[in-house]
């Protein structure tokens, strides 16, 4: 067998061995493009919108907490005053 024929035979053998790997890679690329990436984009979109909602409501919540803290103090004080009247 000549060197050229040997190289051709080796090339054919490698092609046969690599064909299933190439098919698997192609399948994974298609699955990634058609299934995984759209789902990840959807998840990202959900998290981003939730983050933006929470981000915009942090200041009002802080303000409400401050108001509640003040109300607790005032209510406690009024409660003591009312108990002293009785």
N, C-alpha and C. Protein backbone atom coordinates (compact mmCIF):
# COMPACT_ATOMS: atom_id res chain seq x y z
N UNK A 1 0.84 -1.17 0.00
CA UNK A 1 0.00 0.00 0.00
C UNK A 1 0.89 1.24 0.00
N UNK A 2 0.60 2.18 -0.88
CA UNK A 2 1.42 3.38 -0.98
C UNK A 2 1.09 4.35 0.16
N UNK A 3 1.99 5.30 0.34
CA UNK A 3 1.78 6.30 1.39
C UNK A 3 0.49 7.08 1.16
N UNK A 4 0.20 7.39 -0.09
CA UNK A 4 -1.00 8.13 -0.43
C UNK A 4 -2.26 7.33 -0.08
N UNK A 5 -2.24 6.06 -0.43
CA UNK A 5 -3.38 5.19 -0.12
C UNK A 5 -3.56 5.04 1.40
N UNK A 6 -2.43 4.96 2.11
CA UNK A 6 -2.48 4.85 3.56
C UNK A 6 -3.07 6.12 4.18
N UNK A 7 -2.68 7.26 3.66
CA UNK A 7 -3.23 8.54 4.16
C UNK A 7 -4.73 8.64 3.88
N UNK A 8 -5.14 8.20 2.71
CA UNK A 8 -6.56 8.22 2.36
C UNK A 8 -7.34 7.28 3.28
N UNK A 9 -6.80 6.12 3.55
CA UNK A 9 -7.45 5.16 4.44
C UNK A 9 -7.55 5.72 5.86
N UNK A 10 -6.48 6.35 6.33
CA UNK A 10 -6.51 6.97 7.66
C UNK A 10 -7.53 8.11 7.71
N UNK A 11 -7.57 8.89 6.66
CA UNK A 11 -8.53 10.00 6.58
C UNK A 11 -9.95 9.48 6.63
N UNK A 12 -10.23 8.42 5.87
CA UNK A 12 -11.56 7.82 5.88
C UNK A 12 -11.92 7.28 7.26
N UNK A 13 -10.94 6.64 7.90
CA UNK A 13 -11.18 6.08 9.23
C UNK A 13 -11.48 7.20 10.23
N UNK A 14 -10.72 8.28 10.16
CA UNK A 14 -10.96 9.42 11.05
C UNK A 14 -12.33 10.05 10.79
N UNK A 15 -12.69 10.18 9.53
CA UNK A 15 -14.01 10.72 9.19
C UNK A 15 -15.13 9.88 9.80
N UNK A 16 -14.99 8.55 9.72
CA UNK A 16 -15.99 7.65 10.29
C UNK A 16 -16.06 7.79 11.81
N UNK A 17 -14.89 7.92 12.44
CA UNK A 17 -14.84 8.04 13.91
C UNK A 17 -15.39 9.40 14.36
N UNK A 18 -15.13 10.44 13.60
CA UNK A 18 -15.54 11.79 14.00
C UNK A 18 -16.99 12.12 13.64
N UNK A 19 -17.58 11.37 12.73
CA UNK A 19 -18.94 11.66 12.29
C UNK A 19 -19.94 11.72 13.47
N UNK A 20 -19.95 10.73 14.38
CA UNK A 20 -20.89 10.82 15.50
C UNK A 20 -20.63 12.02 16.41
N UNK A 21 -19.36 12.36 16.58
CA UNK A 21 -19.03 13.52 17.41
C UNK A 21 -19.52 14.80 16.75
N UNK A 22 -19.33 14.92 15.45
CA UNK A 22 -19.82 16.09 14.71
C UNK A 22 -21.34 16.18 14.80
N UNK A 23 -22.02 15.04 14.69
CA UNK A 23 -23.47 15.04 14.80
C UNK A 23 -23.93 15.46 16.19
N UNK A 24 -23.23 14.97 17.20
CA UNK A 24 -23.57 15.37 18.58
C UNK A 24 -23.36 16.86 18.79
N UNK A 25 -22.27 17.37 18.28
CA UNK A 25 -22.00 18.81 18.41
C UNK A 25 -23.07 19.61 17.69
N UNK A 26 -23.45 19.20 16.50
CA UNK A 26 -24.50 19.89 15.75
C UNK A 26 -25.82 19.86 16.53
N UNK A 27 -26.14 18.70 17.11
CA UNK A 27 -27.36 18.58 17.91
C UNK A 27 -27.33 19.54 19.10
N UNK A 28 -26.18 19.58 19.79
CA UNK A 28 -26.06 20.46 20.95
C UNK A 28 -26.15 21.94 20.56
N UNK A 29 -25.58 22.28 19.43
CA UNK A 29 -25.68 23.67 18.97
C UNK A 29 -27.13 24.04 18.67
N UNK A 30 -27.84 23.15 18.01
CA UNK A 30 -29.24 23.42 17.69
C UNK A 30 -30.09 23.49 18.96
N UNK A 31 -29.84 22.58 19.89
CA UNK A 31 -30.58 22.58 21.15
C UNK A 31 -30.30 23.87 21.92
N UNK A 32 -29.07 24.27 21.93
CA UNK A 32 -28.69 25.52 22.60
C UNK A 32 -29.41 26.71 21.96
N UNK A 33 -29.40 26.78 20.66
CA UNK A 33 -30.01 27.90 19.94
C UNK A 33 -31.53 27.91 20.05
N UNK A 34 -32.14 26.74 19.95
CA UNK A 34 -33.61 26.68 19.86
C UNK A 34 -34.31 26.49 21.20
N UNK A 35 -33.62 25.96 22.19
CA UNK A 35 -34.29 25.66 23.46
C UNK A 35 -33.67 26.41 24.63
N UNK A 36 -32.38 26.23 24.83
CA UNK A 36 -31.74 26.75 26.03
C UNK A 36 -31.65 28.28 26.03
N UNK A 37 -31.15 28.87 24.95
CA UNK A 37 -31.00 30.32 24.91
C UNK A 37 -32.33 31.07 25.05
N UNK A 38 -33.39 30.67 24.34
CA UNK A 38 -34.66 31.37 24.55
C UNK A 38 -35.17 31.26 25.99
N UNK A 39 -34.99 30.10 26.60
CA UNK A 39 -35.43 29.93 27.98
C UNK A 39 -34.61 30.81 28.93
N UNK A 40 -33.31 30.87 28.70
CA UNK A 40 -32.46 31.72 29.53
C UNK A 40 -32.83 33.19 29.36
N UNK A 41 -33.14 33.59 28.14
CA UNK A 41 -33.54 34.97 27.91
C UNK A 41 -34.85 35.28 28.63
N UNK A 42 -35.75 34.32 28.65
CA UNK A 42 -37.01 34.50 29.37
C UNK A 42 -36.77 34.63 30.87
N UNK A 43 -35.92 33.77 31.40
CA UNK A 43 -35.59 33.85 32.83
C UNK A 43 -34.93 35.18 33.14
N UNK A 44 -34.02 35.60 32.31
CA UNK A 44 -33.34 36.89 32.51
C UNK A 44 -34.35 38.03 32.50
N UNK A 45 -35.27 37.99 31.57
CA UNK A 45 -36.29 39.03 31.47
C UNK A 45 -37.14 39.09 32.74
N UNK A 46 -37.54 37.92 33.24
CA UNK A 46 -38.34 37.87 34.47
C UNK A 46 -37.57 38.45 35.65
N UNK A 47 -36.32 38.05 35.79
CA UNK A 47 -35.52 38.56 36.90
C UNK A 47 -35.28 40.05 36.77
N UNK A 48 -35.04 40.52 35.57
CA UNK A 48 -34.79 41.94 35.36
C UNK A 48 -36.03 42.76 35.71
N UNK A 49 -37.19 42.33 35.27
CA UNK A 49 -38.40 43.08 35.58
C UNK A 49 -38.69 43.06 37.08
N UNK A 50 -38.47 41.92 37.72
CA UNK A 50 -38.67 41.82 39.17
C UNK A 50 -37.68 42.73 39.90
N UNK A 51 -36.45 42.71 39.47
CA UNK A 51 -35.44 43.58 40.08
C UNK A 51 -35.86 45.05 39.96
N UNK A 52 -36.31 45.45 38.79
CA UNK A 52 -36.71 46.84 38.60
C UNK A 52 -37.90 47.22 39.48
N UNK A 53 -38.85 46.31 39.64
CA UNK A 53 -39.99 46.59 40.52
C UNK A 53 -39.52 46.76 41.96
N UNK A 54 -38.69 45.86 42.43
CA UNK A 54 -38.20 45.95 43.80
C UNK A 54 -37.32 47.18 44.00
N UNK A 55 -36.50 47.47 43.03
CA UNK A 55 -35.61 48.63 43.10
C UNK A 55 -36.41 49.91 43.28
N UNK A 56 -37.50 50.04 42.54
CA UNK A 56 -38.30 51.26 42.62
C UNK A 56 -39.13 51.34 43.89
N UNK A 57 -39.30 50.24 44.60
CA UNK A 57 -40.12 50.27 45.81
C UNK A 57 -39.29 50.29 47.09
N UNK A 58 -37.98 50.30 47.00
CA UNK A 58 -37.14 50.30 48.20
C UNK A 58 -37.29 51.61 48.96
N UNK A 59 -37.25 52.74 48.30
CA UNK A 59 -37.37 54.03 48.99
C UNK A 59 -38.71 54.19 49.69
N UNK A 60 -39.83 53.87 49.02
CA UNK A 60 -41.10 53.97 49.75
C UNK A 60 -41.16 53.04 50.96
N UNK A 61 -40.59 51.87 50.88
CA UNK A 61 -40.60 50.95 52.01
C UNK A 61 -39.75 51.52 53.15
N UNK A 62 -38.61 52.08 52.84
CA UNK A 62 -37.77 52.71 53.87
C UNK A 62 -38.52 53.85 54.54
N UNK A 63 -39.20 54.64 53.75
CA UNK A 63 -39.98 55.75 54.28
C UNK A 63 -41.11 55.25 55.18
N UNK A 64 -41.80 54.20 54.75
CA UNK A 64 -42.87 53.62 55.55
C UNK A 64 -42.33 53.08 56.87
N UNK A 65 -41.18 52.45 56.84
CA UNK A 65 -40.58 51.92 58.07
C UNK A 65 -40.27 53.05 59.03
N UNK A 66 -39.76 54.13 58.52
CA UNK A 66 -39.47 55.29 59.35
C UNK A 66 -40.76 55.82 59.99
N UNK A 67 -41.80 55.93 59.18
CA UNK A 67 -43.10 56.38 59.71
C UNK A 67 -43.64 55.43 60.78
N UNK A 68 -43.51 54.15 60.56
CA UNK A 68 -43.98 53.16 61.52
C UNK A 68 -43.19 53.27 62.83
N UNK A 69 -41.91 53.47 62.73
CA UNK A 69 -41.10 53.63 63.94
C UNK A 69 -41.56 54.84 64.74
N UNK A 70 -41.83 55.92 64.08
CA UNK A 70 -42.32 57.13 64.75
C UNK A 70 -43.69 56.86 65.37
N UNK A 71 -44.56 56.19 64.63
CA UNK A 71 -45.89 55.88 65.16
C UNK A 71 -45.81 55.02 66.41
N UNK A 72 -44.91 54.07 66.44
CA UNK A 72 -44.74 53.22 67.63
C UNK A 72 -44.38 54.07 68.86
N UNK A 73 -43.48 54.99 68.66
CA UNK A 73 -43.07 55.86 69.77
C UNK A 73 -44.25 56.69 70.25
N UNK A 74 -44.96 57.31 69.31
CA UNK A 74 -46.09 58.17 69.67
C UNK A 74 -47.20 57.36 70.34
N UNK A 75 -47.49 56.20 69.82
CA UNK A 75 -48.55 55.35 70.39
C UNK A 75 -48.15 54.90 71.80
N UNK A 76 -46.92 54.54 71.99
CA UNK A 76 -46.45 54.14 73.32
C UNK A 76 -46.57 55.30 74.30
N UNK A 77 -46.19 56.45 73.86
CA UNK A 77 -46.28 57.64 74.71
C UNK A 77 -47.73 57.95 75.05
N UNK A 78 -48.58 57.92 74.07
CA UNK A 78 -50.01 58.18 74.32
C UNK A 78 -50.61 57.11 75.23
N UNK A 79 -50.19 55.91 75.06
CA UNK A 79 -50.68 54.82 75.90
C UNK A 79 -50.28 55.05 77.37
N UNK A 80 -49.06 55.46 77.61
CA UNK A 80 -48.61 55.77 78.97
C UNK A 80 -49.42 56.92 79.55
N UNK A 81 -49.64 57.94 78.74
CA UNK A 81 -50.42 59.11 79.23
C UNK A 81 -51.85 58.69 79.58
N UNK A 82 -52.44 57.85 78.74
CA UNK A 82 -53.80 57.41 79.00
C UNK A 82 -53.86 56.55 80.27
N UNK A 83 -52.88 55.74 80.49
CA UNK A 83 -52.86 54.90 81.70
C UNK A 83 -52.68 55.75 82.95
N UNK A 84 -51.96 56.82 82.85
CA UNK A 84 -51.75 57.69 84.01
C UNK A 84 -53.01 58.49 84.35
N UNK A 85 -53.89 58.72 83.35
CA UNK A 85 -55.14 59.45 83.58
C UNK A 85 -56.12 58.58 84.36
N UNK A 86 -56.13 57.33 84.13
CA UNK A 86 -57.11 56.43 84.77
C UNK A 86 -56.88 56.31 86.18
